[in-house]
Amino acid sequence: MAELPSFSEQIANWLTSISFQCNTTHEKESALPVLEVAGAHGAVLKVIPVGLDLWQNTDPTSLLNSLTKQLQDTRNKGITCIALSEDYWLVKQHIVQSRLAAMLGISAKIPARLTKVRRIDNATTDRFLEDNHLNGSVMSKFRYGLFLPKRYYRVLPEDFAFDEAADELLVAVATFSNARIFEQNGQPFRSHELIRFASLPGSNVVGALDKLLNGFIREKLPDDIMTYADLEWSDGRSYQRLGFEERGNMPPRKVFINVQSMLRVRAQQESVDSTERSPAEYLTVYNLGSIKYVRAIKPLHVDGY
């Protein structure tokens, strides 16, 4: 019986199947292999495959330090680099492949200027995020969608899978928290969190987040919006381009992976973190933390100015 390809080989095989050259290298001062891919227009993408066996066979602190340093060193050279966890590949492979393809420049480009933004209901939001976001859906107060009208379906590639009979196509979703209100300089200050953002697999909706943010801002008039950039996938530059400012880092967090379903469960959930949890049922891993970003929407009113 043939041996199954390793996690790294599975990624490389898929990249080869979509006609990308992929080389496996070892960076200096790191034992972790790196997949180097040449994307469109000379862009380079580096992928660090983080197999579940690494968490089983390596000291977690050492692995976290090695992954974090490798990502930072590569990104500091201006090279796009991600750390890809094996459980995401196993459970949400279509989303992972879509994001990698977009990074390599081969997704369908949809101009957000052709779309319309409006509020959507909870059921529509949940369906879209479960299908298109690595971490699925989560509770939110305000939910917005971008819809591409039928008259603009011509911008979609011929092989793009969607319901051509529908009058519009939901191409991106963003969700926000309720306002956290506190006093600043004697005035009430309304702060919201951007919780989730996702677009259709195989697409790059150019300007989508900006348009969704502006739709939310026009309707809810927040004083600022905060969000987090996942360090495994992003260095936060896309938020900076939208006017967000870095406000510190969130440390890595422990996560339990169910070894049967490969689904993640936050460590603080009592049903998993209790003494009833069997070590054989769950594998303990860590995410790499995140960067906190805040975008001020209107200037503070300071006496004398």
C-alpha atoms as a PDB file:
ATOM      1  CA  MET A   1       0.000   0.000   0.000  1.00  0.00           C
ATOM      2  CA  ALA A   2       1.421   3.385  -1.044  1.00  0.00           C
ATOM      3  CA  GLU A   3       2.341   5.791   1.752  1.00  0.00           C
ATOM      4  CA  LEU A   4       0.175   8.898   1.913  1.00  0.00           C
ATOM      5  CA  PRO A   5       1.914  12.194   1.029  1.00  0.00           C
ATOM      6  CA  SER A   6       3.048  14.309   3.950  1.00  0.00           C
ATOM      7  CA  PHE A   7       1.239  17.558   4.736  1.00  0.00           C
ATOM      8  CA  SER A   8       3.971  19.545   2.987  1.00  0.00           C
ATOM      9  CA  GLU A   9       3.769  17.256  -0.059  1.00  0.00           C
ATOM     10  CA  GLN A  10      -0.018  17.639  -0.237  1.00  0.00           C
ATOM     11  CA  ILE A  11       0.311  21.422  -0.481  1.00  0.00           C
ATOM     12  CA  ALA A  12       3.101  21.136  -3.049  1.00  0.00           C
ATOM     13  CA  ASN A  13       1.094  18.651  -5.129  1.00  0.00           C
ATOM     14  CA  TRP A  14      -1.918  20.972  -5.201  1.00  0.00           C
ATOM     15  CA  LEU A  15       0.241  23.950  -6.204  1.00  0.00           C
ATOM     16  CA  THR A  16       1.771  21.882  -8.996  1.00  0.00           C
ATOM     17  CA  SER A  17      -1.731  20.854 -10.153  1.00  0.00           C
ATOM     18  CA  ILE A  18      -2.596  24.528 -10.712  1.00  0.00           C
ATOM     19  CA  SER A  19       0.658  25.087 -12.626  1.00  0.00           C
ATOM     20  CA  PHE A  20       2.813  26.763  -9.991  1.00  0.00           C
ATOM     21  CA  GLN A  21       6.457  25.991  -9.412  1.00  0.00           C
ATOM     22  CA  CYS A  22       7.009  25.038  -5.788  1.00  0.00           C
ATOM     23  CA  ASN A  23      10.369  24.441  -4.079  1.00  0.00           C
ATOM     24  CA  THR A  24      10.964  23.169  -0.552  1.00  0.00           C
ATOM     25  CA  THR A  25      13.736  24.963   1.304  1.00  0.00           C
ATOM     26  CA  HIS A  26      15.104  25.142   4.840  1.00  0.00           C
ATOM     27  CA  GLU A  27      15.714  28.588   6.251  1.00  0.00           C
ATOM     28  CA  LYS A  28      18.823  29.288   8.258  1.00  0.00           C
ATOM     29  CA  GLU A  29      18.523  28.724  12.015  1.00  0.00           C
ATOM     30  CA  SER A  30      15.239  26.831  11.587  1.00  0.00           C
ATOM     31  CA  ALA A  31      14.411  23.168  11.210  1.00  0.00           C
ATOM     32  CA  LEU A  32      11.017  23.950   9.649  1.00  0.00           C
ATOM     33  CA  PRO A  33      10.688  23.395   5.891  1.00  0.00           C
ATOM     34  CA  VAL A  34       9.322  26.233   3.771  1.00  0.00           C
ATOM     35  CA  LEU A  35       7.442  25.982   0.477  1.00  0.00           C
ATOM     36  CA  GLU A  36       8.493  28.788  -1.852  1.00  0.00           C
ATOM     37  CA  VAL A  37       6.061  29.543  -4.663  1.00  0.00           C
ATOM     38  CA  ALA A  38       6.485  31.939  -7.578  1.00  0.00           C
ATOM     39  CA  GLY A  39       3.200  33.748  -8.105  1.00  0.00           C
ATOM     40  CA  ALA A  40       1.900  35.986 -10.876  1.00  0.00           C
ATOM     41  CA  HIS A  41       3.862  39.128 -11.859  1.00  0.00           C
ATOM     42  CA  GLY A  42       7.006  37.945 -10.054  1.00  0.00           C
ATOM     43  CA  ALA A  43       5.419  37.808  -6.606  1.00  0.00           C
ATOM     44  CA  VAL A  44       6.799  35.237  -4.176  1.00  0.00           C
ATOM     45  CA  LEU A  45       4.740  33.431  -1.549  1.00  0.00           C
ATOM     46  CA  LYS A  46       6.309  31.370   1.220  1.00  0.00           C
ATOM     47  CA  VAL A  47       4.226  28.809   3.109  1.00  0.00           C
ATOM     48  CA  ILE A  48       5.357  27.225   6.384  1.00  0.00           C
ATOM     49  CA  PRO A  49       3.400  23.959   6.769  1.00  0.00           C
ATOM     50  CA  VAL A  50       2.611  23.419  10.451  1.00  0.00           C
ATOM     51  CA  GLY A  51       1.760  19.736  10.704  1.00  0.00           C
ATOM     52  CA  LEU A  52      -0.111  18.400  13.719  1.00  0.00           C
ATOM     53  CA  ASP A  53       2.832  16.076  14.378  1.00  0.00           C
ATOM     54  CA  LEU A  54       4.968  19.131  15.147  1.00  0.00           C
ATOM     55  CA  TRP A  55       2.786  19.975  18.145  1.00  0.00           C
ATOM     56  CA  GLN A  56       2.975  16.370  19.306  1.00  0.00           C
ATOM     57  CA  ASN A  57       6.741  16.025  18.965  1.00  0.00           C
ATOM     58  CA  THR A  58       8.109  19.519  19.669  1.00  0.00           C
ATOM     59  CA  ASP A  59       8.176  21.682  22.764  1.00  0.00           C
ATOM     60  CA  PRO A  60       5.323  24.197  22.207  1.00  0.00           C
ATOM     61  CA  THR A  61       7.321  27.223  23.368  1.00  0.00           C
ATOM     62  CA  SER A  62      10.228  26.338  21.103  1.00  0.00           C
ATOM     63  CA  LEU A  63       7.899  25.781  18.139  1.00  0.00           C
ATOM     64  CA  LEU A  64       6.049  29.053  18.730  1.00  0.00           C
ATOM     65  CA  ASN A  65       9.320  30.986  18.943  1.00  0.00           C
ATOM     66  CA  SER A  66      10.652  29.357  15.784  1.00  0.00           C
ATOM     67  CA  LEU A  67       7.467  29.975  13.781  1.00  0.00           C
ATOM     68  CA  THR A  68       7.151  33.587  14.941  1.00  0.00           C
ATOM     69  CA  LYS A  69      10.789  34.394  14.135  1.00  0.00           C
ATOM     70  CA  GLN A  70      10.601  32.730  10.738  1.00  0.00           C
ATOM     71  CA  LEU A  71       7.460  34.663   9.790  1.00  0.00           C
ATOM     72  CA  GLN A  72       8.850  37.990  10.992  1.00  0.00           C
ATOM     73  CA  ASP A  73      12.228  37.550   9.323  1.00  0.00           C
ATOM     74  CA  THR A  74      10.624  36.637   5.995  1.00  0.00           C
ATOM     75  CA  ARG A  75       8.044  39.435   6.107  1.00  0.00           C
ATOM     76  CA  ASN A  76      10.736  41.955   7.051  1.00  0.00           C
ATOM     77  CA  LYS A  77      12.329  41.154   3.672  1.00  0.00           C
ATOM     78  CA  GLY A  78       9.097  42.179   1.942  1.00  0.00           C
ATOM     79  CA  ILE A  79       8.074  38.600   1.151  1.00  0.00           C
ATOM     80  CA  THR A  80       4.524  37.387   1.801  1.00  0.00           C
ATOM     81  CA  CYS A  81       4.676  34.469   4.226  1.00  0.00           C
ATOM     82  CA  ILE A  82       2.030  32.442   6.053  1.00  0.00           C
ATOM     83  CA  ALA A  83       2.020  29.616   8.586  1.00  0.00           C
ATOM     84  CA  LEU A  84      -0.538  27.036   7.458  1.00  0.00           C
ATOM     85  CA  SER A  85      -1.981  24.686  10.084  1.00  0.00           C
ATOM     86  CA  GLU A  86      -2.743  21.138   8.960  1.00  0.00           C
ATOM     87  CA  ASP A  87      -6.190  21.010  10.590  1.00  0.00           C
ATOM     88  CA  TYR A  88      -7.365  23.923   8.434  1.00  0.00           C
ATOM     89  CA  TRP A  89      -6.105  22.090   5.336  1.00  0.00           C
ATOM     90  CA  LEU A  90      -7.963  18.936   6.342  1.00  0.00           C
ATOM     91  CA  VAL A  91     -11.288  20.540   7.293  1.00  0.00           C
ATOM     92  CA  LYS A  92     -11.531  23.731   5.195  1.00  0.00           C
ATOM     93  CA  GLN A  93      -9.281  22.948   2.280  1.00  0.00           C
ATOM     94  CA  HIS A  94     -11.409  24.870  -0.244  1.00  0.00           C
ATOM     95  CA  ILE A  95     -11.065  28.064   1.812  1.00  0.00           C
ATOM     96  CA  VAL A  96      -7.316  27.604   2.294  1.00  0.00           C
ATOM     97  CA  GLN A  97      -6.810  26.946  -1.411  1.00  0.00           C
ATOM     98  CA  SER A  98      -8.905  29.985  -2.313  1.00  0.00           C
ATOM     99  CA  ARG A  99      -6.834  32.255  -0.067  1.00  0.00           C
ATOM    100  CA  LEU A 100      -3.559  30.873  -1.389  1.00  0.00           C
ATOM    101  CA  ALA A 101      -4.768  31.269  -4.974  1.00  0.00           C
ATOM    102  CA  ALA A 102      -5.718  34.897  -4.287  1.00  0.00           C
ATOM    103  CA  MET A 103      -2.243  35.527  -2.855  1.00  0.00           C
ATOM    104  CA  LEU A 104      -0.777  34.031  -6.020  1.00  0.00           C
ATOM    105  CA  GLY A 105      -2.907  36.296  -8.215  1.00  0.00           C
ATOM    106  CA  ILE A 106      -5.207  33.773  -9.866  1.00  0.00           C
ATOM    107  CA  SER A 107      -8.601  34.572  -8.326  1.00  0.00           C
ATOM    108  CA  ALA A 108     -11.533  36.225 -10.094  1.00  0.00           C
ATOM    109  CA  LYS A 109     -11.335  39.985  -9.578  1.00  0.00           C
ATOM    110  CA  ILE A 110     -14.635  41.679  -8.761  1.00  0.00           C
ATOM    111  CA  PRO A 111     -14.561  45.493  -8.398  1.00  0.00           C
ATOM    112  CA  ALA A 112     -16.414  46.481  -5.220  1.00  0.00           C
ATOM    113  CA  ARG A 113     -17.601  49.651  -7.005  1.00  0.00           C
ATOM    114  CA  LEU A 114     -19.991  47.411  -8.979  1.00  0.00           C
ATOM    115  CA  THR A 115     -21.555  46.013  -5.805  1.00  0.00           C
ATOM    116  CA  LYS A 116     -24.228  47.224  -3.412  1.00  0.00           C
ATOM    117  CA  VAL A 117     -23.861  47.140   0.365  1.00  0.00           C
ATOM    118  CA  ARG A 118     -26.736  46.455   2.752  1.00  0.00           C
ATOM    119  CA  ARG A 119     -27.608  44.785   6.042  1.00  0.00           C
ATOM    120  CA  ILE A 120     -28.182  41.011   5.965  1.00  0.00           C
ATOM    121  CA  ASP A 121     -29.870  38.644   8.380  1.00  0.00           C
ATOM    122  CA  ASN A 122     -28.238  36.247  10.814  1.00  0.00           C
ATOM    123  CA  ALA A 123     -29.027  33.079   8.834  1.00  0.00           C
ATOM    124  CA  THR A 124     -27.480  34.476   5.634  1.00  0.00           C
ATOM    125  CA  THR A 125     -24.430  35.613   7.578  1.00  0.00           C
ATOM    126  CA  ASP A 126     -23.932  32.251   9.278  1.00  0.00           C
ATOM    127  CA  ARG A 127     -24.197  30.325   6.015  1.00  0.00           C
ATOM    128  CA  PHE A 128     -21.732  32.581   4.242  1.00  0.00           C
ATOM    129  CA  LEU A 129     -19.141  32.621   7.036  1.00  0.00           C
ATOM    130  CA  GLU A 130     -19.332  28.890   7.709  1.00  0.00           C
ATOM    131  CA  ASP A 131     -18.667  28.305   4.009  1.00  0.00           C
ATOM    132  CA  ASN A 132     -16.044  30.999   3.484  1.00  0.00           C
ATOM    133  CA  HIS A 133     -14.206  31.885   6.718  1.00  0.00           C
ATOM    134  CA  LEU A 134     -11.558  29.653   8.307  1.00  0.00           C
ATOM    135  CA  ASN A 135     -12.990  30.239  11.774  1.00  0.00           C
ATOM    136  CA  GLY A 136     -16.621  30.056  10.745  1.00  0.00           C
ATOM    137  CA  SER A 137     -19.361  32.270  12.100  1.00  0.00           C
ATOM    138  CA  VAL A 138     -19.599  33.879  15.517  1.00  0.00           C
ATOM    139  CA  MET A 139     -22.145  36.059  17.326  1.00  0.00           C
ATOM    140  CA  SER A 140     -22.369  39.628  16.054  1.00  0.00           C
ATOM    141  CA  LYS A 141     -24.721  42.582  16.323  1.00  0.00           C
ATOM    142  CA  PHE A 142     -24.449  44.136  12.868  1.00  0.00           C
ATOM    143  CA  ARG A 143     -24.050  42.207   9.621  1.00  0.00           C
ATOM    144  CA  TYR A 144     -23.389  43.658   6.169  1.00  0.00           C
ATOM    145  CA  GLY A 145     -23.106  42.058   2.733  1.00  0.00           C
ATOM    146  CA  LEU A 146     -21.861  43.124  -0.689  1.00  0.00           C
ATOM    147  CA  PHE A 147     -24.092  42.096  -3.568  1.00  0.00           C
ATOM    148  CA  LEU A 148     -23.094  41.945  -7.224  1.00  0.00           C
ATOM    149  CA  PRO A 149     -26.156  42.731  -9.422  1.00  0.00           C
ATOM    150  CA  LYS A 150     -26.937  40.337 -12.265  1.00  0.00           C
ATOM    151  CA  ARG A 151     -26.101  42.939 -14.912  1.00  0.00           C
ATOM    152  CA  TYR A 152     -22.463  42.746 -13.800  1.00  0.00           C
ATOM    153  CA  TYR A 153     -22.106  38.957 -13.884  1.00  0.00           C
ATOM    154  CA  ARG A 154     -20.090  39.541 -17.059  1.00  0.00           C
ATOM    155  CA  VAL A 155     -17.027  40.333 -14.913  1.00  0.00           C
ATOM    156  CA  LEU A 156     -16.995  36.756 -13.590  1.00  0.00           C
ATOM    157  CA  PRO A 157     -14.927  34.084 -15.383  1.00  0.00           C
ATOM    158  CA  GLU A 158     -16.827  31.521 -17.445  1.00  0.00           C
ATOM    159  CA  ASP A 159     -15.840  28.715 -15.070  1.00  0.00           C
ATOM    160  CA  PHE A 160     -16.923  30.604 -11.921  1.00  0.00           C
ATOM    161  CA  ALA A 161     -19.511  28.477 -10.090  1.00  0.00           C
ATOM    162  CA  PHE A 162     -22.630  30.389  -8.986  1.00  0.00           C
ATOM    163  CA  ASP A 163     -26.375  30.603  -9.568  1.00  0.00           C
ATOM    164  CA  GLU A 164     -26.630  32.536 -12.820  1.00  0.00           C
ATOM    165  CA  ALA A 165     -30.428  32.722 -12.520  1.00  0.00           C
ATOM    166  CA  ALA A 166     -30.273  34.746  -9.285  1.00  0.00           C
ATOM    167  CA  ASP A 167     -30.815  38.502  -9.486  1.00  0.00           C
ATOM    168  CA  GLU A 168     -27.707  39.178  -7.390  1.00  0.00           C
ATOM    169  CA  LEU A 169     -24.731  37.379  -5.895  1.00  0.00           C
ATOM    170  CA  LEU A 170     -23.513  37.832  -2.311  1.00  0.00           C
ATOM    171  CA  VAL A 171     -19.740  38.211  -2.726  1.00  0.00           C
ATOM    172  CA  ALA A 172     -18.497  39.448   0.675  1.00  0.00           C
ATOM    173  CA  VAL A 173     -19.627  39.793   4.284  1.00  0.00           C
ATOM    174  CA  ALA A 174     -18.441  41.788   7.300  1.00  0.00           C
ATOM    175  CA  THR A 175     -19.786  41.619  10.854  1.00  0.00           C
ATOM    176  CA  PHE A 176     -19.475  44.065  13.743  1.00  0.00           C
ATOM    177  CA  SER A 177     -20.056  44.108  17.487  1.00  0.00           C
ATOM    178  CA  ASN A 178     -22.474  46.291  19.411  1.00  0.00           C
ATOM    179  CA  ALA A 179     -21.041  49.594  20.607  1.00  0.00           C
ATOM    180  CA  ARG A 180     -18.835  49.699  23.670  1.00  0.00           C
ATOM    181  CA  ILE A 181     -19.572  53.139  25.071  1.00  0.00           C
ATOM    182  CA  PHE A 182     -17.240  54.939  27.439  1.00  0.00           C
ATOM    183  CA  GLU A 183     -16.366  58.531  28.289  1.00  0.00           C
ATOM    184  CA  GLN A 184     -13.424  60.269  26.632  1.00  0.00           C
ATOM    185  CA  ASN A 185     -12.645  63.942  27.221  1.00  0.00           C
ATOM    186  CA  GLY A 186     -16.062  64.370  28.799  1.00  0.00           C
ATOM    187  CA  GLN A 187     -17.873  63.039  25.753  1.00  0.00           C
ATOM    188  CA  PRO A 188     -19.484  59.616  25.107  1.00  0.00           C
ATOM    189  CA  PHE A 189     -17.247  57.532  22.838  1.00  0.00           C
ATOM    190  CA  ARG A 190     -18.634  54.645  20.759  1.00  0.00           C
ATOM    191  CA  SER A 191     -16.221  51.859  19.852  1.00  0.00           C
ATOM    192  CA  HIS A 192     -17.159  48.826  17.688  1.00  0.00           C
ATOM    193  CA  GLU A 193     -15.220  45.733  16.702  1.00  0.00           C
ATOM    194  CA  LEU A 194     -14.914  44.396  13.156  1.00  0.00           C
ATOM    195  CA  ILE A 195     -15.351  40.699  13.983  1.00  0.00           C
ATOM    196  CA  ARG A 196     -15.405  38.832  10.668  1.00  0.00           C
ATOM    197  CA  PHE A 197     -14.697  39.551   7.013  1.00  0.00           C
ATOM    198  CA  ALA A 198     -14.841  37.009   4.181  1.00  0.00           C
ATOM    199  CA  SER A 199     -15.381  36.865   0.437  1.00  0.00           C
ATOM    200  CA  LEU A 200     -16.472  34.126  -1.948  1.00  0.00           C
ATOM    201  CA  PRO A 201     -13.914  31.367  -2.636  1.00  0.00           C
ATOM    202  CA  GLY A 202     -12.043  31.892  -5.865  1.00  0.00           C
ATOM    203  CA  SER A 203     -12.669  35.634  -5.810  1.00  0.00           C
ATOM    204  CA  ASN A 204     -10.855  38.821  -4.925  1.00  0.00           C
ATOM    205  CA  VAL A 205     -13.445  41.529  -4.349  1.00  0.00           C
ATOM    206  CA  VAL A 206     -11.230  44.557  -4.819  1.00  0.00           C
ATOM    207  CA  GLY A 207     -12.136  47.239  -2.267  1.00  0.00           C
ATOM    208  CA  ALA A 208     -14.684  45.031  -0.489  1.00  0.00           C
ATOM    209  CA  LEU A 209     -13.657  45.674   3.112  1.00  0.00           C
ATOM    210  CA  ASP A 210     -13.370  49.412   2.510  1.00  0.00           C
ATOM    211  CA  LYS A 211     -16.892  49.535   1.075  1.00  0.00           C
ATOM    212  CA  LEU A 212     -18.337  47.399   3.882  1.00  0.00           C
ATOM    213  CA  LEU A 213     -16.632  49.564   6.511  1.00  0.00           C
ATOM    214  CA  ASN A 214     -17.967  52.741   4.918  1.00  0.00           C
ATOM    215  CA  GLY A 215     -21.486  51.291   4.819  1.00  0.00           C
ATOM    216  CA  PHE A 216     -21.284  50.481   8.515  1.00  0.00           C
ATOM    217  CA  ILE A 217     -19.776  53.881   9.371  1.00  0.00           C
ATOM    218  CA  ARG A 218     -22.502  55.799   7.503  1.00  0.00           C
ATOM    219  CA  GLU A 219     -25.251  53.931   9.332  1.00  0.00           C
ATOM    220  CA  LYS A 220     -23.877  53.524  12.883  1.00  0.00           C
ATOM    221  CA  LEU A 221     -21.557  56.572  13.191  1.00  0.00           C
ATOM    222  CA  PRO A 222     -18.892  54.913  15.381  1.00  0.00           C
ATOM    223  CA  ASP A 223     -16.059  56.908  16.920  1.00  0.00           C
ATOM    224  CA  ASP A 224     -13.621  54.110  16.205  1.00  0.00           C
ATOM    225  CA  ILE A 225     -13.467  50.528  14.946  1.00  0.00           C
ATOM    226  CA  MET A 226     -11.023  47.952  16.267  1.00  0.00           C
ATOM    227  CA  THR A 227     -10.054  44.580  14.838  1.00  0.00           C
ATOM    228  CA  TYR A 228      -7.341  41.927  14.906  1.00  0.00           C
ATOM    229  CA  ALA A 229      -4.962  40.685  12.201  1.00  0.00           C
ATOM    230  CA  ASP A 230      -4.234  36.959  12.438  1.00  0.00           C
ATOM    231  CA  LEU A 231      -0.431  36.679  12.505  1.00  0.00           C
ATOM    232  CA  GLU A 232      -0.485  33.272  10.829  1.00  0.00           C
ATOM    233  CA  TRP A 233      -1.937  34.822   7.671  1.00  0.00           C
ATOM    234  CA  SER A 234      -1.240  38.542   7.796  1.00  0.00           C
ATOM    235  CA  ASP A 235       1.179  41.239   8.899  1.00  0.00           C
ATOM    236  CA  GLY A 236      -1.685  43.758   9.002  1.00  0.00           C
ATOM    237  CA  ARG A 237      -0.680  45.885   6.024  1.00  0.00           C
ATOM    238  CA  SER A 238      -4.139  45.625   4.468  1.00  0.00           C
ATOM    239  CA  TYR A 239      -5.622  47.225   7.611  1.00  0.00           C
ATOM    240  CA  GLN A 240      -3.011  49.964   7.593  1.00  0.00           C
ATOM    241  CA  ARG A 241      -3.967  50.848   4.024  1.00  0.00           C
ATOM    242  CA  LEU A 242      -7.540  51.356   5.258  1.00  0.00           C
ATOM    243  CA  GLY A 243      -6.487  53.817   7.958  1.00  0.00           C
ATOM    244  CA  PHE A 244      -6.103  51.436  10.910  1.00  0.00           C
ATOM    245  CA  GLU A 245      -3.268  51.994  13.376  1.00  0.00           C
ATOM    246  CA  GLU A 246      -1.426  49.262  15.249  1.00  0.00           C
ATOM    247  CA  ARG A 247      -2.217  49.153  18.975  1.00  0.00           C
ATOM    248  CA  GLY A 248      -0.168  46.232  20.259  1.00  0.00           C
ATOM    249  CA  ASN A 249      -0.085  42.456  19.977  1.00  0.00           C
ATOM    250  CA  MET A 250      -2.256  39.725  21.441  1.00  0.00           C
ATOM    251  CA  PRO A 251      -0.223  36.694  22.609  1.00  0.00           C
ATOM    252  CA  PRO A 252      -0.624  33.154  21.222  1.00  0.00           C
ATOM    253  CA  ARG A 253      -3.677  31.301  22.518  1.00  0.00           C
ATOM    254  CA  LYS A 254      -4.125  27.657  23.369  1.00  0.00           C
ATOM    255  CA  VAL A 255      -6.582  25.749  21.194  1.00  0.00           C
ATOM    256  CA  PHE A 256      -7.876  22.177  21.378  1.00  0.00           C
ATOM    257  CA  ILE A 257      -8.351  20.191  18.156  1.00  0.00           C
ATOM    258  CA  ASN A 258     -10.774  17.281  18.208  1.00  0.00           C
ATOM    259  CA  VAL A 259      -8.765  14.433  16.680  1.00  0.00           C
ATOM    260  CA  GLN A 260     -11.877  12.912  15.096  1.00  0.00           C
ATOM    261  CA  SER A 261     -13.474  15.971  13.504  1.00  0.00           C
ATOM    262  CA  MET A 262     -10.314  18.132  13.305  1.00  0.00           C
ATOM    263  CA  LEU A 263     -12.428  21.059  14.510  1.00  0.00           C
ATOM    264  CA  ARG A 264     -10.972  23.661  16.857  1.00  0.00           C
ATOM    265  CA  VAL A 265     -12.329  24.501  20.307  1.00  0.00           C
ATOM    266  CA  ARG A 266     -11.151  27.463  22.346  1.00  0.00           C
ATOM    267  CA  ALA A 267      -9.365  26.432  25.522  1.00  0.00           C
ATOM    268  CA  GLN A 268     -11.570  28.593  27.720  1.00  0.00           C
ATOM    269  CA  GLN A 269     -14.672  26.580  26.861  1.00  0.00           C
ATOM    270  CA  GLU A 270     -15.420  24.643  30.015  1.00  0.00           C
ATOM    271  CA  SER A 271     -16.838  21.655  28.153  1.00  0.00           C
ATOM    272  CA  VAL A 272     -13.401  20.972  26.737  1.00  0.00           C
ATOM    273  CA  ASP A 273     -11.113  22.443  29.359  1.00  0.00           C
ATOM    274  CA  SER A 274     -12.690  20.483  32.205  1.00  0.00           C
ATOM    275  CA  THR A 275     -11.310  17.429  33.986  1.00  0.00           C
ATOM    276  CA  GLU A 276     -13.708  15.325  31.885  1.00  0.00           C
ATOM    277  CA  ARG A 277     -11.678  16.031  28.750  1.00  0.00           C
ATOM    278  CA  SER A 278      -9.786  12.953  27.536  1.00  0.00           C
ATOM    279  CA  PRO A 279      -6.235  13.663  26.267  1.00  0.00           C
ATOM    280  CA  ALA A 280      -6.842  11.073  23.533  1.00  0.00           C
ATOM    281  CA  GLU A 281      -9.783  13.086  22.161  1.00  0.00           C
ATOM    282  CA  TYR A 282      -8.073  16.456  21.780  1.00  0.00           C
ATOM    283  CA  LEU A 283      -4.711  17.695  20.585  1.00  0.00           C
ATOM    284  CA  THR A 284      -3.383  20.877  22.204  1.00  0.00           C
ATOM    285  CA  VAL A 285      -1.988  23.454  19.775  1.00  0.00           C
ATOM    286  CA  TYR A 286      -1.443  27.225  19.793  1.00  0.00           C
ATOM    287  CA  ASN A 287      -2.238  29.967  17.351  1.00  0.00           C
ATOM    288  CA  LEU A 288       0.450  32.591  16.778  1.00  0.00           C
ATOM    289  CA  GLY A 289      -1.461  35.496  18.257  1.00  0.00           C
ATOM    290  CA  SER A 290      -2.651  38.634  16.499  1.00  0.00           C
ATOM    291  CA  ILE A 291      -2.082  42.354  16.038  1.00  0.00           C
ATOM    292  CA  LYS A 292      -4.690  44.762  17.371  1.00  0.00           C
ATOM    293  CA  TYR A 293      -5.669  47.587  15.022  1.00  0.00           C
ATOM    294  CA  VAL A 294      -7.864  50.640  15.604  1.00  0.00           C
ATOM    295  CA  ARG A 295      -9.278  53.103  13.084  1.00  0.00           C
ATOM    296  CA  ALA A 296     -10.418  56.475  14.416  1.00  0.00           C
ATOM    297  CA  ILE A 297     -13.530  57.650  12.609  1.00  0.00           C
ATOM    298  CA  LYS A 298     -13.885  61.188  13.896  1.00  0.00           C
ATOM    299  CA  PRO A 299     -11.420  63.420  15.768  1.00  0.00           C
ATOM    300  CA  LEU A 300     -11.731  63.839  19.512  1.00  0.00           C
ATOM    301  CA  HIS A 301     -13.052  67.202  20.707  1.00  0.00           C
ATOM    302  CA  VAL A 302     -10.386  68.745  22.913  1.00  0.00           C
ATOM    303  CA  ASP A 303     -10.986  72.033  24.740  1.00  0.00           C
ATOM    304  CA  GLY A 304      -9.107  74.904  23.113  1.00  0.00           C
ATOM    305  CA  TYR A 305      -8.735  73.197  19.724  1.00  0.00           C
END
